[in-house]
Amino acid sequence: MMKEICAQCLQRHRDPLTGTETVVFSCFNQDQEMDRVDFRTLRRRLSQNGVQEKLTKLWVDRCLQHPGERPAIAAE
């Protein structure tokens, strides 16, 4: 998997001693110091896809409950 490409995993860190802010790719560095993670920003970023994730879940549930309603795909 290609890392550091899409920037969906960008995570802001703040040094607790100096207050210096840095941005890291969390897909590349999944072991992060909890004292540095800006959880407020993380919560906002993760909630951005909430509506889309709920709609996808409802659609998948509907598809699984109603098998056979999908029209046949024409053979190529």
PDB file of N, CA and C in Angstrom:
ATOM      1  N   MET A   1       0.842  -1.174   0.000  1.00  0.00           N
ATOM      2  CA  MET A   1       0.000   0.000   0.000  1.00  0.00           C
ATOM      3  C   MET A   1       0.892   1.243   0.000  1.00  0.00           C
ATOM      4  N   MET A   2       0.520   2.206  -0.795  1.00  0.00           N
ATOM      5  CA  MET A   2       1.299   3.441  -0.856  1.00  0.00           C
ATOM      6  C   MET A   2       0.964   4.313   0.349  1.00  0.00           C
ATOM      7  N   LYS A   3       1.979   4.805   0.992  1.00  0.00           N
ATOM      8  CA  LYS A   3       1.767   5.623   2.179  1.00  0.00           C
ATOM      9  C   LYS A   3       2.149   7.063   1.894  1.00  0.00           C
ATOM     10  N   GLU A   4       1.565   7.958   2.662  1.00  0.00           N
ATOM     11  CA  GLU A   4       1.842   9.393   2.572  1.00  0.00           C
ATOM     12  C   GLU A   4       1.447   9.971   1.219  1.00  0.00           C
ATOM     13  N   ILE A   5       0.385   9.471   0.625  1.00  0.00           N
ATOM     14  CA  ILE A   5      -0.043   9.926  -0.681  1.00  0.00           C
ATOM     15  C   ILE A   5      -1.349  10.711  -0.598  1.00  0.00           C
ATOM     16  N   CYS A   6      -2.366  10.157   0.033  1.00  0.00           N
ATOM     17  CA  CYS A   6      -3.703  10.767  -0.002  1.00  0.00           C
ATOM     18  C   CYS A   6      -3.903  11.836   1.070  1.00  0.00           C
ATOM     19  N   ALA A   7      -3.111  11.829   2.112  1.00  0.00           N
ATOM     20  CA  ALA A   7      -3.163  12.810   3.197  1.00  0.00           C
ATOM     21  C   ALA A   7      -4.422  12.709   4.052  1.00  0.00           C
ATOM     22  N   GLN A   8      -5.178  11.623   3.932  1.00  0.00           N
ATOM     23  CA  GLN A   8      -6.347  11.452   4.808  1.00  0.00           C
ATOM     24  C   GLN A   8      -5.922  11.117   6.232  1.00  0.00           C
ATOM     25  N   CYS A   9      -4.701  10.687   6.387  1.00  0.00           N
ATOM     26  CA  CYS A   9      -4.227  10.254   7.701  1.00  0.00           C
ATOM     27  C   CYS A   9      -3.432  11.336   8.429  1.00  0.00           C
ATOM     28  N   LEU A  10      -3.404  12.548   7.898  1.00  0.00           N
ATOM     29  CA  LEU A  10      -2.621  13.600   8.551  1.00  0.00           C
ATOM     30  C   LEU A  10      -3.089  13.803   9.990  1.00  0.00           C
ATOM     31  N   GLN A  11      -2.140  13.859  10.881  1.00  0.00           N
ATOM     32  CA  GLN A  11      -2.435  14.004  12.310  1.00  0.00           C
ATOM     33  C   GLN A  11      -1.567  15.101  12.892  1.00  0.00           C
ATOM     34  N   ARG A  12      -2.196  16.044  13.585  1.00  0.00           N
ATOM     35  CA  ARG A  12      -1.433  17.129  14.208  1.00  0.00           C
ATOM     36  C   ARG A  12      -0.940  16.676  15.576  1.00  0.00           C
ATOM     37  N   HIS A  13       0.317  16.949  15.832  1.00  0.00           N
ATOM     38  CA  HIS A  13       0.933  16.674  17.129  1.00  0.00           C
ATOM     39  C   HIS A  13       1.363  17.988  17.748  1.00  0.00           C
ATOM     40  N   ARG A  14       1.266  18.057  19.059  1.00  0.00           N
ATOM     41  CA  ARG A  14       1.720  19.229  19.803  1.00  0.00           C
ATOM     42  C   ARG A  14       2.634  18.746  20.913  1.00  0.00           C
ATOM     43  N   ASP A  15       3.845  19.274  20.928  1.00  0.00           N
ATOM     44  CA  ASP A  15       4.807  18.926  21.967  1.00  0.00           C
ATOM     45  C   ASP A  15       4.314  19.507  23.283  1.00  0.00           C
ATOM     46  N   PRO A  16       4.107  18.668  24.308  1.00  0.00           N
ATOM     47  CA  PRO A  16       3.573  19.162  25.585  1.00  0.00           C
ATOM     48  C   PRO A  16       4.518  20.118  26.318  1.00  0.00           C
ATOM     49  N   LEU A  17       5.805  20.044  26.034  1.00  0.00           N
ATOM     50  CA  LEU A  17       6.764  20.908  26.729  1.00  0.00           C
ATOM     51  C   LEU A  17       6.939  22.253  26.042  1.00  0.00           C
ATOM     52  N   THR A  18       7.085  22.242  24.730  1.00  0.00           N
ATOM     53  CA  THR A  18       7.373  23.488  24.004  1.00  0.00           C
ATOM     54  C   THR A  18       6.146  24.078  23.313  1.00  0.00           C
ATOM     55  N   GLY A  19       5.106  23.271  23.098  1.00  0.00           N
ATOM     56  CA  GLY A  19       3.924  23.752  22.383  1.00  0.00           C
ATOM     57  C   GLY A  19       4.099  23.754  20.869  1.00  0.00           C
ATOM     58  N   THR A  20       5.223  23.272  20.389  1.00  0.00           N
ATOM     59  CA  THR A  20       5.489  23.231  18.956  1.00  0.00           C
ATOM     60  C   THR A  20       4.555  22.239  18.286  1.00  0.00           C
ATOM     61  N   GLU A  21       3.932  22.671  17.190  1.00  0.00           N
ATOM     62  CA  GLU A  21       3.019  21.802  16.451  1.00  0.00           C
ATOM     63  C   GLU A  21       3.718  21.234  15.226  1.00  0.00           C
ATOM     64  N   THR A  22       3.494  19.947  14.990  1.00  0.00           N
ATOM     65  CA  THR A  22       3.984  19.274  13.799  1.00  0.00           C
ATOM     66  C   THR A  22       2.844  18.445  13.227  1.00  0.00           C
ATOM     67  N   VAL A  23       2.975  18.100  11.956  1.00  0.00           N
ATOM     68  CA  VAL A  23       1.978  17.257  11.302  1.00  0.00           C
ATOM     69  C   VAL A  23       2.685  15.990  10.844  1.00  0.00           C
ATOM     70  N   VAL A  24       2.075  14.838  11.145  1.00  0.00           N
ATOM     71  CA  VAL A  24       2.657  13.555  10.761  1.00  0.00           C
ATOM     72  C   VAL A  24       1.633  12.757   9.959  1.00  0.00           C
ATOM     73  N   PHE A  25       2.132  11.825   9.166  1.00  0.00           N
ATOM     74  CA  PHE A  25       1.270  10.890   8.472  1.00  0.00           C
ATOM     75  C   PHE A  25       1.043   9.705   9.411  1.00  0.00           C
ATOM     76  N   SER A  26      -0.158   9.561   9.952  1.00  0.00           N
ATOM     77  CA  SER A  26      -0.397   8.496  10.919  1.00  0.00           C
ATOM     78  C   SER A  26      -0.422   7.118  10.276  1.00  0.00           C
ATOM     79  N   CYS A  27      -0.625   7.034   8.948  1.00  0.00           N
ATOM     80  CA  CYS A  27      -0.559   5.727   8.285  1.00  0.00           C
ATOM     81  C   CYS A  27       0.874   5.198   8.293  1.00  0.00           C
ATOM     82  N   PHE A  28       1.836   6.088   8.268  1.00  0.00           N
ATOM     83  CA  PHE A  28       3.242   5.696   8.273  1.00  0.00           C
ATOM     84  C   PHE A  28       3.735   5.445   9.695  1.00  0.00           C
ATOM     85  N   ASN A  29       3.292   6.266  10.637  1.00  0.00           N
ATOM     86  CA  ASN A  29       3.735   6.175  12.026  1.00  0.00           C
ATOM     87  C   ASN A  29       2.522   5.897  12.914  1.00  0.00           C
ATOM     88  N   GLN A  30       2.163   4.618  13.039  1.00  0.00           N
ATOM     89  CA  GLN A  30       0.972   4.282  13.804  1.00  0.00           C
ATOM     90  C   GLN A  30       1.224   4.215  15.305  1.00  0.00           C
ATOM     91  N   ASP A  31       2.479   4.148  15.704  1.00  0.00           N
ATOM     92  CA  ASP A  31       2.819   4.162  17.131  1.00  0.00           C
ATOM     93  C   ASP A  31       3.158   5.602  17.507  1.00  0.00           C
ATOM     94  N   GLN A  32       2.162   6.308  18.054  1.00  0.00           N
ATOM     95  CA  GLN A  32       2.335   7.720  18.375  1.00  0.00           C
ATOM     96  C   GLN A  32       2.249   7.930  19.884  1.00  0.00           C
ATOM     97  N   GLU A  33       2.960   8.921  20.357  1.00  0.00           N
ATOM     98  CA  GLU A  33       2.908   9.253  21.781  1.00  0.00           C
ATOM     99  C   GLU A  33       1.587   9.970  22.068  1.00  0.00           C
ATOM    100  N   MET A  34       0.812   9.450  23.001  1.00  0.00           N
ATOM    101  CA  MET A  34      -0.512  10.012  23.300  1.00  0.00           C
ATOM    102  C   MET A  34      -0.444  11.451  23.779  1.00  0.00           C
ATOM    103  N   ASP A  35       0.657  11.814  24.430  1.00  0.00           N
ATOM    104  CA  ASP A  35       0.786  13.183  24.932  1.00  0.00           C
ATOM    105  C   ASP A  35       0.889  14.196  23.800  1.00  0.00           C
ATOM    106  N   ARG A  36       1.271  13.741  22.609  1.00  0.00           N
ATOM    107  CA  ARG A  36       1.468  14.650  21.485  1.00  0.00           C
ATOM    108  C   ARG A  36       0.248  14.733  20.556  1.00  0.00           C
ATOM    109  N   VAL A  37      -0.634  13.744  20.594  1.00  0.00           N
ATOM    110  CA  VAL A  37      -1.773  13.703  19.676  1.00  0.00           C
ATOM    111  C   VAL A  37      -2.785  14.789  20.030  1.00  0.00           C
ATOM    112  N   ASP A  38      -3.208  15.535  19.034  1.00  0.00           N
ATOM    113  CA  ASP A  38      -4.243  16.552  19.207  1.00  0.00           C
ATOM    114  C   ASP A  38      -5.595  15.865  18.986  1.00  0.00           C
ATOM    115  N   PHE A  39      -6.206  15.370  20.070  1.00  0.00           N
ATOM    116  CA  PHE A  39      -7.424  14.570  19.965  1.00  0.00           C
ATOM    117  C   PHE A  39      -8.627  15.382  19.477  1.00  0.00           C
ATOM    118  N   ARG A  40      -8.649  16.657  19.745  1.00  0.00           N
ATOM    119  CA  ARG A  40      -9.757  17.494  19.268  1.00  0.00           C
ATOM    120  C   ARG A  40      -9.775  17.520  17.732  1.00  0.00           C
ATOM    121  N   THR A  41      -8.615  17.739  17.142  1.00  0.00           N
ATOM    122  CA  THR A  41      -8.505  17.738  15.683  1.00  0.00           C
ATOM    123  C   THR A  41      -8.773  16.349  15.128  1.00  0.00           C
ATOM    124  N   LEU A  42      -8.272  15.320  15.791  1.00  0.00           N
ATOM    125  CA  LEU A  42      -8.493  13.948  15.356  1.00  0.00           C
ATOM    126  C   LEU A  42      -9.988  13.617  15.337  1.00  0.00           C
ATOM    127  N   ARG A  43     -10.708  14.005  16.376  1.00  0.00           N
ATOM    128  CA  ARG A  43     -12.147  13.752  16.456  1.00  0.00           C
ATOM    129  C   ARG A  43     -12.890  14.438  15.308  1.00  0.00           C
ATOM    130  N   ARG A  44     -12.520  15.688  15.015  1.00  0.00           N
ATOM    131  CA  ARG A  44     -13.161  16.416  13.911  1.00  0.00           C
ATOM    132  C   ARG A  44     -12.874  15.748  12.575  1.00  0.00           C
ATOM    133  N   ARG A  45     -11.641  15.331  12.379  1.00  0.00           N
ATOM    134  CA  ARG A  45     -11.278  14.704  11.114  1.00  0.00           C
ATOM    135  C   ARG A  45     -12.012  13.386  10.921  1.00  0.00           C
ATOM    136  N   LEU A  46     -12.103  12.584  11.974  1.00  0.00           N
ATOM    137  CA  LEU A  46     -12.769  11.296  11.862  1.00  0.00           C
ATOM    138  C   LEU A  46     -14.270  11.436  11.663  1.00  0.00           C
ATOM    139  N   SER A  47     -14.857  12.504  12.154  1.00  0.00           N
ATOM    140  CA  SER A  47     -16.307  12.682  12.006  1.00  0.00           C
ATOM    141  C   SER A  47     -16.698  13.199  10.630  1.00  0.00           C
ATOM    142  N   GLN A  48     -15.744  13.625   9.816  1.00  0.00           N
ATOM    143  CA  GLN A  48     -16.057  14.150   8.490  1.00  0.00           C
ATOM    144  C   GLN A  48     -16.704  13.113   7.593  1.00  0.00           C
ATOM    145  N   ASN A  49     -16.356  11.864   7.749  1.00  0.00           N
ATOM    146  CA  ASN A  49     -16.910  10.806   6.908  1.00  0.00           C
ATOM    147  C   ASN A  49     -18.099  10.102   7.548  1.00  0.00           C
ATOM    148  N   GLY A  50     -18.590  10.613   8.659  1.00  0.00           N
ATOM    149  CA  GLY A  50     -19.655   9.945   9.402  1.00  0.00           C
ATOM    150  C   GLY A  50     -20.909   9.700   8.594  1.00  0.00           C
ATOM    151  N   VAL A  51     -21.390  10.706   7.874  1.00  0.00           N
ATOM    152  CA  VAL A  51     -22.622  10.557   7.103  1.00  0.00           C
ATOM    153  C   VAL A  51     -22.425   9.525   6.000  1.00  0.00           C
ATOM    154  N   GLN A  52     -21.318   9.609   5.295  1.00  0.00           N
ATOM    155  CA  GLN A  52     -21.058   8.663   4.212  1.00  0.00           C
ATOM    156  C   GLN A  52     -20.956   7.231   4.743  1.00  0.00           C
ATOM    157  N   GLU A  53     -20.317   7.043   5.893  1.00  0.00           N
ATOM    158  CA  GLU A  53     -20.189   5.709   6.468  1.00  0.00           C
ATOM    159  C   GLU A  53     -21.550   5.158   6.882  1.00  0.00           C
ATOM    160  N   LYS A  54     -22.424   6.006   7.432  1.00  0.00           N
ATOM    161  CA  LYS A  54     -23.767   5.552   7.822  1.00  0.00           C
ATOM    162  C   LYS A  54     -24.589   5.169   6.606  1.00  0.00           C
ATOM    163  N   LEU A  55     -24.523   5.977   5.532  1.00  0.00           N
ATOM    164  CA  LEU A  55     -25.254   5.653   4.316  1.00  0.00           C
ATOM    165  C   LEU A  55     -24.754   4.347   3.694  1.00  0.00           C
ATOM    166  N   THR A  56     -23.453   4.149   3.696  1.00  0.00           N
ATOM    167  CA  THR A  56     -22.890   2.909   3.153  1.00  0.00           C
ATOM    168  C   THR A  56     -23.362   1.711   3.953  1.00  0.00           C
ATOM    169  N   LYS A  57     -23.385   1.839   5.282  1.00  0.00           N
ATOM    170  CA  LYS A  57     -23.855   0.746   6.130  1.00  0.00           C
ATOM    171  C   LYS A  57     -25.310   0.420   5.826  1.00  0.00           C
ATOM    172  N   LEU A  58     -26.152   1.441   5.702  1.00  0.00           N
ATOM    173  CA  LEU A  58     -27.565   1.206   5.391  1.00  0.00           C
ATOM    174  C   LEU A  58     -27.730   0.533   4.033  1.00  0.00           C
ATOM    175  N   TRP A  59     -26.944   0.972   3.050  1.00  0.00           N
ATOM    176  CA  TRP A  59     -27.034   0.390   1.715  1.00  0.00           C
ATOM    177  C   TRP A  59     -26.608  -1.076   1.724  1.00  0.00           C
ATOM    178  N   VAL A  60     -25.510  -1.394   2.402  1.00  0.00           N
ATOM    179  CA  VAL A  60     -25.050  -2.781   2.474  1.00  0.00           C
ATOM    180  C   VAL A  60     -26.084  -3.632   3.202  1.00  0.00           C
ATOM    181  N   ASP A  61     -26.634  -3.136   4.304  1.00  0.00           N
ATOM    182  CA  ASP A  61     -27.675  -3.873   5.025  1.00  0.00           C
ATOM    183  C   ASP A  61     -28.874  -4.149   4.126  1.00  0.00           C
ATOM    184  N   ARG A  62     -29.290  -3.153   3.358  1.00  0.00           N
ATOM    185  CA  ARG A  62     -30.443  -3.320   2.465  1.00  0.00           C
ATOM    186  C   ARG A  62     -30.142  -4.370   1.403  1.00  0.00           C
ATOM    187  N   CYS A  63     -28.950  -4.299   0.827  1.00  0.00           N
ATOM    188  CA  CYS A  63     -28.564  -5.271  -0.207  1.00  0.00           C
ATOM    189  C   CYS A  63     -28.546  -6.695   0.346  1.00  0.00           C
ATOM    190  N   LEU A  64     -28.110  -6.854   1.573  1.00  0.00           N
ATOM    191  CA  LEU A  64     -28.056  -8.187   2.168  1.00  0.00           C
ATOM    192  C   LEU A  64     -29.444  -8.706   2.543  1.00  0.00           C
ATOM    193  N   GLN A  65     -30.382  -7.814   2.824  1.00  0.00           N
ATOM    194  CA  GLN A  65     -31.734  -8.220   3.197  1.00  0.00           C
ATOM    195  C   GLN A  65     -32.600  -8.533   1.985  1.00  0.00           C
ATOM    196  N   HIS A  66     -32.259  -7.998   0.825  1.00  0.00           N
ATOM    197  CA  HIS A  66     -33.082  -8.167  -0.363  1.00  0.00           C
ATOM    198  C   HIS A  66     -32.289  -8.799  -1.505  1.00  0.00           C
ATOM    199  N   PRO A  67     -31.827 -10.025  -1.305  1.00  0.00           N
ATOM    200  CA  PRO A  67     -31.072 -10.645  -2.409  1.00  0.00           C
ATOM    201  C   PRO A  67     -32.005 -10.958  -3.578  1.00  0.00           C
ATOM    202  N   GLY A  68     -31.478 -10.932  -4.751  1.00  0.00           N
ATOM    203  CA  GLY A  68     -32.261 -11.244  -5.922  1.00  0.00           C
ATOM    204  C   GLY A  68     -32.949 -10.041  -6.550  1.00  0.00           C
ATOM    205  N   GLU A  69     -32.937  -8.895  -5.909  1.00  0.00           N
ATOM    206  CA  GLU A  69     -33.578  -7.710  -6.460  1.00  0.00           C
ATOM    207  C   GLU A  69     -32.657  -6.991  -7.437  1.00  0.00           C
ATOM    208  N   ARG A  70     -31.424  -7.347  -7.432  1.00  0.00           N
ATOM    209  CA  ARG A  70     -30.461  -6.715  -8.317  1.00  0.00           C
ATOM    210  C   ARG A  70     -30.646  -7.249  -9.742  1.00  0.00           C
ATOM    211  N   PRO A  71     -30.721  -6.384 -10.722  1.00  0.00           N
ATOM    212  CA  PRO A  71     -30.869  -6.885 -12.099  1.00  0.00           C
ATOM    213  C   PRO A  71     -29.628  -7.639 -12.543  1.00  0.00           C
ATOM    214  N   ALA A  72     -29.830  -8.594 -13.406  1.00  0.00           N
ATOM    215  CA  ALA A  72     -28.714  -9.391 -13.913  1.00  0.00           C
ATOM    216  C   ALA A  72     -27.780  -8.512 -14.740  1.00  0.00           C
ATOM    217  N   ILE A  73     -26.502  -8.759 -14.618  1.00  0.00           N
ATOM    218  CA  ILE A  73     -25.500  -8.014 -15.383  1.00  0.00           C
ATOM    219  C   ILE A  73     -25.291  -8.742 -16.705  1.00  0.00           C
ATOM    220  N   ALA A  74     -25.361  -8.004 -17.792  1.00  0.00           N
ATOM    221  CA  ALA A  74     -25.183  -8.609 -19.108  1.00  0.00           C
ATOM    222  C   ALA A  74     -23.768  -9.145 -19.261  1.00  0.00           C
ATOM    223  N   ALA A  75     -23.637 -10.317 -19.828  1.00  0.00           N
ATOM    224  CA  ALA A  75     -22.314 -10.909 -20.068  1.00  0.00           C
ATOM    225  C   ALA A  75     -21.611 -10.154 -21.182  1.00  0.00           C
ATOM    226  N   GLU A  76     -20.326 -10.020 -21.033  1.00  0.00           N
ATOM    227  CA  GLU A  76     -19.549  -9.288 -22.050  1.00  0.00           C
ATOM    228  C   GLU A  76     -19.189 -10.191 -23.187  1.00  0.00           C
TER     229      GLU A  76
END
